């Protein structure tokens, strides 16, 4: 269940990033003028000249963070079990999980 939720979050981030790259750094007025119904389809172009669906550096950073968290999950679970006072732990990940 947690894996499904994590995958859903990443998929939503990737889709939102690909759609958002079309209008990144533009004013709300410009966006409404060009996309009166909102950005609803992937297309080439945008602020970075990307191809439809191409991830930006935002997605690359999110995926890198997800990989790091997945690799550290086992260690974090061990720290959580061993910690007697997780809220005062020097391990931020342990404190956040409790």
N, C-alpha and C. Protein backbone atom coordinates (compact mmCIF):
# COMPACT_ATOMS: atom_id res chain seq x y z
N UNK A 1 0.82 -1.20 0.00
CA UNK A 1 0.00 0.00 0.00
C UNK A 1 0.87 1.27 0.00
N UNK A 2 1.89 1.31 0.87
CA UNK A 2 2.75 2.50 0.91
C UNK A 2 3.52 2.68 -0.40
N UNK A 3 3.93 1.56 -1.01
CA UNK A 3 4.64 1.64 -2.29
C UNK A 3 3.73 2.24 -3.35
N UNK A 4 2.46 1.80 -3.38
CA UNK A 4 1.51 2.35 -4.35
C UNK A 4 1.35 3.86 -4.17
N UNK A 5 1.27 4.29 -2.92
CA UNK A 5 1.11 5.71 -2.65
C UNK A 5 2.35 6.49 -3.06
N UNK A 6 3.52 5.94 -2.77
CA UNK A 6 4.76 6.61 -3.15
C UNK A 6 4.88 6.70 -4.67
N UNK A 7 4.54 5.60 -5.35
CA UNK A 7 4.58 5.62 -6.81
C UNK A 7 3.58 6.63 -7.38
N UNK A 8 2.41 6.71 -6.77
CA UNK A 8 1.41 7.68 -7.20
C UNK A 8 1.89 9.10 -7.03
N UNK A 9 2.56 9.37 -5.92
CA UNK A 9 3.11 10.71 -5.69
C UNK A 9 4.15 11.06 -6.75
N UNK A 10 5.02 10.12 -7.05
CA UNK A 10 6.05 10.38 -8.06
C UNK A 10 5.44 10.56 -9.44
N UNK A 11 4.45 9.74 -9.77
CA UNK A 11 3.79 9.88 -11.06
C UNK A 11 3.11 11.23 -11.18
N UNK A 12 2.43 11.66 -10.11
CA UNK A 12 1.79 12.97 -10.11
C UNK A 12 2.80 14.10 -10.25
N UNK A 13 3.94 13.95 -9.59
CA UNK A 13 4.99 14.96 -9.69
C UNK A 13 5.53 15.03 -11.12
N UNK A 14 5.77 13.87 -11.72
CA UNK A 14 6.28 13.83 -13.10
C UNK A 14 5.29 14.45 -14.08
N UNK A 15 4.02 14.10 -13.94
CA UNK A 15 3.00 14.65 -14.85
C UNK A 15 2.86 16.15 -14.66
N UNK A 16 2.80 16.58 -13.40
CA UNK A 16 2.68 18.01 -13.12
C UNK A 16 3.88 18.80 -13.62
N UNK A 17 5.06 18.22 -13.48
CA UNK A 17 6.27 18.88 -13.96
C UNK A 17 6.25 19.01 -15.48
N UNK A 18 5.86 17.94 -16.16
CA UNK A 18 5.81 17.98 -17.63
C UNK A 18 4.78 19.00 -18.12
N UNK A 19 3.62 19.05 -17.46
CA UNK A 19 2.61 20.05 -17.85
C UNK A 19 3.07 21.46 -17.48
N UNK A 20 3.62 21.60 -16.29
CA UNK A 20 4.03 22.91 -15.81
C UNK A 20 5.19 23.51 -16.57
N UNK A 21 6.02 22.66 -17.17
CA UNK A 21 7.16 23.20 -17.91
C UNK A 21 6.71 24.04 -19.11
N UNK A 22 5.49 23.82 -19.55
CA UNK A 22 4.96 24.61 -20.67
C UNK A 22 4.72 26.06 -20.28
N UNK A 23 4.51 26.32 -19.00
CA UNK A 23 4.14 27.67 -18.58
C UNK A 23 5.04 28.23 -17.47
N UNK A 24 6.11 27.52 -17.16
CA UNK A 24 6.98 27.96 -16.08
C UNK A 24 7.52 29.36 -16.35
N UNK A 25 7.50 30.18 -15.31
CA UNK A 25 8.00 31.57 -15.33
C UNK A 25 7.11 32.53 -16.11
N UNK A 26 5.93 32.10 -16.53
CA UNK A 26 5.01 33.00 -17.22
C UNK A 26 4.03 33.58 -16.21
N UNK A 27 3.46 34.71 -16.53
CA UNK A 27 2.51 35.34 -15.62
C UNK A 27 1.17 34.60 -15.70
N UNK A 28 0.38 34.67 -14.63
CA UNK A 28 -0.94 34.05 -14.67
C UNK A 28 -1.79 34.56 -15.83
N UNK A 29 -1.66 35.84 -16.15
CA UNK A 29 -2.43 36.42 -17.25
C UNK A 29 -2.03 35.79 -18.58
N UNK A 30 -0.74 35.63 -18.81
CA UNK A 30 -0.27 34.99 -20.05
C UNK A 30 -0.78 33.55 -20.15
N UNK A 31 -0.73 32.85 -19.04
CA UNK A 31 -1.18 31.45 -19.03
C UNK A 31 -2.67 31.37 -19.34
N UNK A 32 -3.47 32.21 -18.68
CA UNK A 32 -4.92 32.20 -18.93
C UNK A 32 -5.24 32.56 -20.38
N UNK A 33 -4.48 33.49 -20.94
CA UNK A 33 -4.71 33.90 -22.32
C UNK A 33 -4.42 32.74 -23.29
N UNK A 34 -3.31 32.05 -23.08
CA UNK A 34 -2.94 30.97 -24.00
C UNK A 34 -3.68 29.66 -23.71
N UNK A 35 -3.99 29.42 -22.43
CA UNK A 35 -4.67 28.18 -22.03
C UNK A 35 -5.90 28.54 -21.20
N UNK A 36 -6.96 29.06 -21.81
CA UNK A 36 -8.13 29.51 -21.04
C UNK A 36 -8.76 28.40 -20.20
N UNK A 37 -8.67 27.18 -20.63
CA UNK A 37 -9.21 26.05 -19.86
C UNK A 37 -8.17 25.37 -19.00
N UNK A 38 -6.98 25.94 -18.94
CA UNK A 38 -5.88 25.34 -18.20
C UNK A 38 -5.02 24.47 -19.10
N UNK A 39 -3.83 24.17 -18.65
CA UNK A 39 -2.92 23.30 -19.40
C UNK A 39 -3.40 21.87 -19.19
N UNK A 40 -3.86 21.22 -20.25
CA UNK A 40 -4.45 19.89 -20.13
C UNK A 40 -3.80 18.83 -21.01
N UNK A 41 -2.89 19.25 -21.88
CA UNK A 41 -2.24 18.29 -22.77
C UNK A 41 -0.74 18.55 -22.81
N UNK A 42 0.01 17.48 -22.91
CA UNK A 42 1.45 17.60 -23.06
C UNK A 42 1.75 18.10 -24.47
N UNK A 43 2.72 18.98 -24.59
CA UNK A 43 3.09 19.52 -25.90
C UNK A 43 4.57 19.89 -25.88
N UNK A 44 5.15 19.96 -27.05
CA UNK A 44 6.52 20.43 -27.19
C UNK A 44 6.58 21.92 -26.90
N UNK A 45 7.73 22.39 -26.46
CA UNK A 45 7.94 23.83 -26.30
C UNK A 45 8.06 24.26 -24.86
N UNK A 46 7.37 25.33 -24.53
CA UNK A 46 7.42 25.86 -23.18
C UNK A 46 8.68 26.65 -22.89
N UNK A 47 8.85 26.97 -21.62
CA UNK A 47 9.97 27.80 -21.18
C UNK A 47 11.33 27.20 -21.49
N UNK A 48 11.40 25.88 -21.52
CA UNK A 48 12.68 25.20 -21.70
C UNK A 48 12.83 24.52 -23.05
N UNK A 49 11.84 24.63 -23.92
CA UNK A 49 11.92 23.99 -25.23
C UNK A 49 11.94 22.47 -25.13
N UNK A 50 11.21 21.93 -24.17
CA UNK A 50 11.19 20.48 -23.96
C UNK A 50 10.27 19.81 -24.97
N UNK A 51 10.45 18.50 -25.10
CA UNK A 51 9.51 17.72 -25.91
C UNK A 51 8.38 17.27 -25.00
N UNK A 52 7.24 16.97 -25.57
CA UNK A 52 6.06 16.60 -24.79
C UNK A 52 6.38 15.48 -23.81
N UNK A 53 6.13 15.73 -22.54
CA UNK A 53 6.34 14.73 -21.50
C UNK A 53 7.74 14.65 -20.95
N UNK A 54 8.65 15.45 -21.48
CA UNK A 54 10.04 15.40 -21.01
C UNK A 54 10.13 15.95 -19.59
N UNK A 55 10.78 15.21 -18.69
CA UNK A 55 10.95 15.73 -17.33
C UNK A 55 11.98 16.86 -17.31
N UNK A 56 11.83 17.73 -16.33
CA UNK A 56 12.81 18.81 -16.15
C UNK A 56 13.73 18.43 -15.00
N UNK A 57 14.60 19.35 -14.63
CA UNK A 57 15.49 19.10 -13.51
C UNK A 57 14.71 18.89 -12.22
N UNK A 58 13.51 19.46 -12.11
CA UNK A 58 12.69 19.24 -10.91
C UNK A 58 12.37 17.76 -10.74
N UNK A 59 11.99 17.10 -11.82
CA UNK A 59 11.70 15.67 -11.77
C UNK A 59 12.96 14.86 -11.51
N UNK A 60 14.05 15.26 -12.11
CA UNK A 60 15.31 14.55 -11.87
C UNK A 60 15.69 14.61 -10.40
N UNK A 61 15.51 15.77 -9.77
CA UNK A 61 15.83 15.90 -8.35
C UNK A 61 14.87 15.08 -7.49
N UNK A 62 13.58 15.09 -7.84
CA UNK A 62 12.59 14.31 -7.08
C UNK A 62 12.89 12.82 -7.17
N UNK A 63 13.24 12.33 -8.35
CA UNK A 63 13.56 10.92 -8.51
C UNK A 63 14.85 10.56 -7.78
N UNK A 64 15.81 11.45 -7.80
CA UNK A 64 17.05 11.22 -7.07
C UNK A 64 16.78 11.12 -5.57
N UNK A 65 15.96 12.01 -5.06
CA UNK A 65 15.59 11.97 -3.65
C UNK A 65 14.84 10.69 -3.31
N UNK A 66 13.92 10.27 -4.18
CA UNK A 66 13.17 9.03 -3.95
C UNK A 66 14.10 7.83 -3.92
N UNK A 67 15.06 7.79 -4.83
CA UNK A 67 16.04 6.69 -4.82
C UNK A 67 16.82 6.67 -3.52
N UNK A 68 17.27 7.83 -3.08
CA UNK A 68 18.04 7.91 -1.84
C UNK A 68 17.20 7.45 -0.65
N UNK A 69 15.95 7.88 -0.59
CA UNK A 69 15.08 7.47 0.51
C UNK A 69 14.83 5.97 0.49
N UNK A 70 14.63 5.41 -0.69
CA UNK A 70 14.41 3.97 -0.80
C UNK A 70 15.64 3.20 -0.34
N UNK A 71 16.81 3.66 -0.71
CA UNK A 71 18.04 3.00 -0.30
C UNK A 71 18.26 3.08 1.20
N UNK A 72 17.80 4.16 1.80
CA UNK A 72 18.01 4.35 3.23
C UNK A 72 16.87 3.80 4.08
N UNK A 73 15.81 3.31 3.45
CA UNK A 73 14.62 2.88 4.20
C UNK A 73 14.95 1.80 5.22
N UNK A 74 15.72 0.81 4.83
CA UNK A 74 16.04 -0.27 5.77
C UNK A 74 16.83 0.25 6.95
N UNK A 75 17.83 1.08 6.69
CA UNK A 75 18.62 1.65 7.77
C UNK A 75 17.75 2.52 8.68
N UNK A 76 16.87 3.30 8.09
CA UNK A 76 15.99 4.17 8.86
C UNK A 76 15.08 3.35 9.76
N UNK A 77 14.55 2.24 9.25
CA UNK A 77 13.69 1.38 10.06
C UNK A 77 14.46 0.81 11.25
N UNK A 78 15.71 0.43 11.04
CA UNK A 78 16.52 -0.06 12.14
C UNK A 78 16.76 1.03 13.18
N UNK A 79 17.05 2.23 12.73
CA UNK A 79 17.25 3.33 13.65
C UNK A 79 15.98 3.62 14.44
N UNK A 80 14.85 3.54 13.79
CA UNK A 80 13.57 3.80 14.45
C UNK A 80 13.34 2.78 15.56
N UNK A 81 13.62 1.51 15.29
CA UNK A 81 13.40 0.46 16.29
C UNK A 81 14.37 0.59 17.45
N UNK A 82 15.60 1.01 17.19
CA UNK A 82 16.62 1.08 18.23
C UNK A 82 16.54 2.35 19.07
N UNK A 83 15.93 3.36 18.55
CA UNK A 83 15.91 4.64 19.24
C UNK A 83 14.93 4.62 20.41
N UNK A 84 15.42 4.95 21.60
CA UNK A 84 14.54 5.01 22.77
C UNK A 84 13.79 6.34 22.82
N UNK A 85 14.40 7.38 22.28
CA UNK A 85 13.79 8.70 22.30
C UNK A 85 13.91 9.31 20.90
N UNK A 86 13.09 8.85 19.96
CA UNK A 86 13.25 9.29 18.57
C UNK A 86 13.06 10.78 18.34
N UNK A 87 12.26 11.44 19.15
CA UNK A 87 12.04 12.87 18.93
C UNK A 87 13.30 13.68 19.23
N UNK A 88 14.19 13.12 20.05
CA UNK A 88 15.43 13.81 20.37
C UNK A 88 16.62 13.22 19.62
N UNK A 89 16.33 12.34 18.68
CA UNK A 89 17.38 11.68 17.93
C UNK A 89 18.11 12.68 17.04
N UNK A 90 19.39 12.41 16.81
CA UNK A 90 20.14 13.24 15.88
C UNK A 90 19.84 12.84 14.45
N UNK A 91 19.14 11.74 14.26
CA UNK A 91 18.78 11.29 12.92
C UNK A 91 17.42 11.87 12.56
N UNK A 92 17.41 12.85 11.71
CA UNK A 92 16.17 13.53 11.33
C UNK A 92 15.15 12.56 10.76
N UNK A 93 15.60 11.63 9.93
CA UNK A 93 14.66 10.68 9.32
C UNK A 93 13.95 9.86 10.38
N UNK A 94 14.66 9.46 11.43
CA UNK A 94 14.04 8.69 12.50
C UNK A 94 12.99 9.53 13.22
N UNK A 95 13.31 10.76 13.52
CA UNK A 95 12.37 11.62 14.21
C UNK A 95 11.12 11.87 13.37
N UNK A 96 11.29 11.99 12.08
CA UNK A 96 10.15 12.25 11.20
C UNK A 96 9.24 11.05 11.06
N UNK A 97 9.76 9.86 11.23
CA UNK A 97 8.96 8.66 11.05
C UNK A 97 8.13 8.30 12.27
N UNK A 98 8.37 8.92 13.39
CA UNK A 98 7.64 8.54 14.61
C UNK A 98 6.56 9.53 14.94
